[in-house]
Protein backbone atom coordinates (compact mmCIF):
# COMPACT_ATOMS: atom_id res chain seq x y z
CA MET A 1 -33.32 -37.94 -13.21
CA ALA A 2 -30.63 -38.74 -15.78
CA PRO A 3 -29.62 -42.40 -16.21
CA ASN A 4 -26.42 -43.45 -14.47
CA PRO A 5 -23.79 -43.94 -17.22
CA ARG A 6 -22.17 -46.76 -15.26
CA SER A 7 -25.49 -48.62 -14.98
CA GLU A 8 -26.24 -47.91 -18.62
CA LYS A 9 -22.93 -49.48 -19.66
CA ILE A 10 -23.74 -52.63 -17.68
CA LYS A 11 -27.18 -52.80 -19.31
CA GLN A 12 -25.71 -52.25 -22.80
CA VAL A 13 -23.16 -55.03 -22.32
CA THR A 14 -25.84 -57.35 -20.94
CA ASN A 15 -28.18 -56.65 -23.85
CA ARG A 16 -25.35 -57.27 -26.32
CA ILE A 17 -24.28 -60.62 -24.87
CA THR A 18 -27.84 -61.88 -24.40
CA GLN A 19 -29.41 -60.68 -27.65
CA ASN A 20 -29.56 -64.19 -29.12
CA CYS A 21 -30.81 -65.90 -25.96
CA SER A 22 -34.25 -67.46 -26.21
CA THR A 23 -34.82 -68.32 -22.53
CA GLU A 24 -33.93 -66.78 -19.19
CA TYR A 25 -31.78 -69.85 -18.50
CA ASP A 26 -29.81 -69.05 -21.68
CA VAL A 27 -29.41 -65.48 -20.37
CA ALA A 28 -28.05 -66.81 -17.07
CA LEU A 29 -25.56 -68.98 -18.94
CA ALA A 30 -24.51 -66.11 -21.23
CA VAL A 31 -23.85 -63.78 -18.29
CA HIS A 32 -21.94 -66.52 -16.44
CA ASP A 33 -19.79 -67.32 -19.47
CA TYR A 34 -19.08 -63.68 -20.30
CA ILE A 35 -17.88 -62.87 -16.78
CA ALA A 36 -15.92 -66.13 -16.48
CA GLN A 37 -14.10 -65.30 -19.72
CA ILE A 38 -13.32 -61.59 -19.31
CA ILE A 39 -12.79 -61.02 -15.58
CA SER A 40 -9.45 -62.02 -14.06
CA TYR A 41 -9.18 -62.90 -10.40
CA ASP A 42 -7.03 -60.19 -8.83
CA MET A 43 -4.55 -62.08 -6.64
CA ASP A 44 -2.62 -58.87 -5.92
CA ALA A 45 -5.79 -57.31 -4.43
CA TYR A 46 -6.69 -60.57 -2.65
CA ASN A 47 -3.29 -60.62 -0.94
CA LYS A 48 -3.64 -56.97 0.10
CA ILE A 49 -7.08 -57.68 1.54
CA LEU A 50 -5.81 -60.80 3.32
CA ASN A 51 -2.90 -58.85 4.83
CA ASN A 52 -5.14 -55.92 5.85
CA GLU A 53 -3.12 -53.55 3.65
CA ASN A 54 -4.53 -50.18 2.72
CA PHE A 55 -6.51 -50.87 -0.44
CA ASP A 56 -9.62 -49.47 -2.14
CA TYR A 57 -11.85 -52.56 -1.97
CA ARG A 58 -14.34 -51.02 -4.40
CA LYS A 59 -11.85 -51.58 -7.24
CA VAL A 60 -12.42 -55.33 -7.06
CA SER A 61 -15.98 -55.42 -5.69
CA ASP A 62 -17.98 -52.64 -7.39
CA ALA A 63 -19.78 -53.99 -10.47
CA SER A 64 -18.92 -51.05 -12.74
CA MET A 65 -15.28 -50.90 -11.65
CA VAL A 66 -14.90 -54.65 -12.16
CA LEU A 67 -16.41 -54.40 -15.65
CA ASP A 68 -14.15 -51.46 -16.55
CA SER A 69 -10.91 -53.00 -15.26
CA CYS A 70 -11.77 -56.68 -15.91
CA LEU A 71 -10.32 -57.43 -12.46
CA GLY A 72 -12.14 -58.60 -9.36
CA VAL A 73 -12.41 -60.92 -6.40
CA CYS A 74 -15.37 -63.19 -5.70
CA VAL A 75 -17.69 -60.43 -4.52
CA GLY A 76 -16.83 -58.42 -7.64
CA TYR A 77 -17.72 -61.35 -9.91
CA SER A 78 -21.03 -61.77 -8.11
CA ASN A 79 -21.86 -58.06 -7.89
CA LEU A 80 -21.25 -57.73 -11.63
CA ALA A 81 -23.49 -60.71 -12.38
CA VAL A 82 -26.26 -59.36 -10.14
CA ALA A 83 -25.98 -55.91 -11.75
CA MET A 84 -26.17 -57.46 -15.22
CA PHE A 85 -29.20 -59.59 -14.39
CA THR A 86 -31.10 -56.83 -12.61
CA SER A 87 -30.33 -54.36 -15.43
CA ILE A 88 -32.58 -56.45 -17.66
CA GLY A 89 -35.23 -57.22 -15.06
CA ILE A 90 -34.10 -60.64 -13.79
CA SER A 91 -33.94 -61.17 -10.01
CA ALA A 92 -30.52 -62.08 -8.69
CA LYS A 93 -28.53 -61.83 -5.47
CA THR A 94 -25.19 -62.58 -3.93
CA LEU A 95 -24.96 -65.38 -1.40
CA SER A 96 -22.34 -65.56 1.32
CA CYS A 97 -20.73 -68.90 1.88
CA TYR A 98 -17.67 -70.63 3.21
CA ALA A 99 -15.71 -72.25 0.39
CA LEU A 100 -12.74 -74.58 0.42
CA GLY A 101 -10.68 -72.27 -1.77
CA GLN A 102 -7.66 -69.97 -1.45
CA SER A 103 -7.72 -69.46 2.31
CA THR A 104 -8.28 -73.09 3.32
CA GLU A 105 -6.49 -76.40 3.32
CA GLY A 106 -9.01 -77.76 0.82
CA LYS A 107 -10.91 -80.03 3.17
CA TRP A 108 -13.64 -79.72 5.76
CA SER A 109 -12.53 -79.59 9.38
CA ARG A 110 -14.16 -78.87 12.70
CA LYS A 111 -12.78 -75.31 12.48
CA ASN A 112 -14.02 -74.34 9.02
CA VAL A 113 -17.42 -76.05 9.31
CA GLN A 114 -18.17 -73.48 12.01
CA SER A 115 -16.52 -70.55 10.20
CA GLY A 116 -18.24 -67.52 8.75
CA SER A 117 -18.14 -66.35 5.17
CA ASN A 118 -14.96 -66.32 3.09
CA HIS A 119 -16.58 -66.37 -0.34
CA VAL A 120 -19.55 -65.10 -2.38
CA ILE A 121 -21.53 -66.82 -5.13
CA THR A 122 -24.50 -65.76 -7.25
CA ALA A 123 -28.13 -66.86 -7.33
CA VAL A 124 -30.39 -65.88 -10.23
CA TYR A 125 -34.12 -66.57 -10.49
CA VAL A 126 -34.89 -68.04 -13.91
CA ASN A 127 -37.49 -70.51 -15.14
CA ASN A 128 -39.32 -70.36 -11.79
CA ARG A 129 -36.33 -71.49 -9.71
CA TRP A 130 -33.10 -70.21 -8.24
CA VAL A 131 -29.98 -71.16 -10.20
CA LEU A 132 -26.71 -71.03 -8.28
CA MET A 133 -23.36 -70.24 -9.88
CA ASP A 134 -19.83 -69.72 -8.67
CA ILE A 135 -18.43 -67.69 -11.54
CA THR A 136 -15.17 -67.12 -9.68
CA TRP A 137 -14.38 -70.82 -9.59
CA ASP A 138 -15.34 -71.23 -13.25
CA ALA A 139 -13.25 -68.25 -14.41
CA ALA A 140 -10.23 -68.74 -16.63
CA ASN A 141 -7.83 -65.90 -15.83
CA GLU A 142 -5.78 -64.68 -12.91
CA TYR A 143 -4.05 -61.35 -12.39
CA GLN A 144 -0.86 -61.50 -10.33
CA ASN A 145 2.27 -59.40 -10.08
CA GLY A 146 0.85 -56.93 -12.57
CA SER A 147 0.03 -59.35 -15.37
CA ILE A 148 -2.80 -61.59 -16.50
CA LYS A 149 -2.21 -65.29 -16.97
CA LYS A 150 -4.66 -67.75 -18.39
CA LYS A 151 -5.08 -70.63 -15.95
CA ARG A 152 -7.20 -72.70 -18.30
CA SER A 153 -10.31 -72.32 -20.42
CA PHE A 154 -13.31 -71.12 -18.48
CA CYS A 155 -15.68 -73.89 -17.44
CA ARG A 156 -19.24 -74.47 -16.26
CA VAL A 157 -18.57 -76.87 -13.39
CA TYR A 158 -20.15 -74.47 -10.90
CA PHE A 159 -23.00 -73.25 -13.12
CA ASP A 160 -26.31 -74.67 -11.86
CA PRO A 161 -24.66 -77.46 -9.85
CA THR A 162 -26.74 -79.80 -7.75
CA PHE A 163 -26.92 -78.74 -4.14
CA GLN A 164 -25.18 -82.00 -3.16
CA PHE A 165 -22.26 -81.29 -5.50
CA LEU A 166 -21.94 -77.67 -4.38
CA SER A 167 -22.02 -78.76 -0.73
CA CYS A 168 -18.81 -80.73 -1.23
CA THR A 169 -16.87 -77.44 -1.46
CA HIS A 170 -19.27 -74.68 -0.37
CA LYS A 171 -21.30 -74.14 2.80
CA LEU A 172 -24.06 -71.60 2.14
CA LEU A 173 -24.77 -69.16 4.95
CA LEU A 174 -28.48 -68.52 4.62
CA ASN A 175 -30.19 -66.13 7.01
């Protein structure tokens, strides 16, 4: 069976950005930083999804499509990270959660404490433990009305946060 060119591209990019990493933790940080810097949050797509407009969701959620277009929503950020990690043999997965982001009033209430998922983050298994990261919230760029705008520099606030810190804004939905 011939290798999938889309998977091969993800692996090539991952190998390139992690070539100088000496530990798996460094690899996790390199993947986080790369995605946070190059992927823009697609507000146009988010609004279409929110309004149930006809839209090809794969464009902002499929790892290869997100890498090619540099546009995604939270699940696209996470799917890309998972694809990058697994392409080099590191276990990773997406985690559903409820986050106090775009679709909320920014605070916990009786209603949203009992709500289902509205967000996705990434977990990667490195150095014999699971490291959580919300690359979407650490990302620097936003795409809206057909253009990219830099919100700020990317950050690492949500890379390997303590569970207590993450719980201030995210409720993990573990099954």
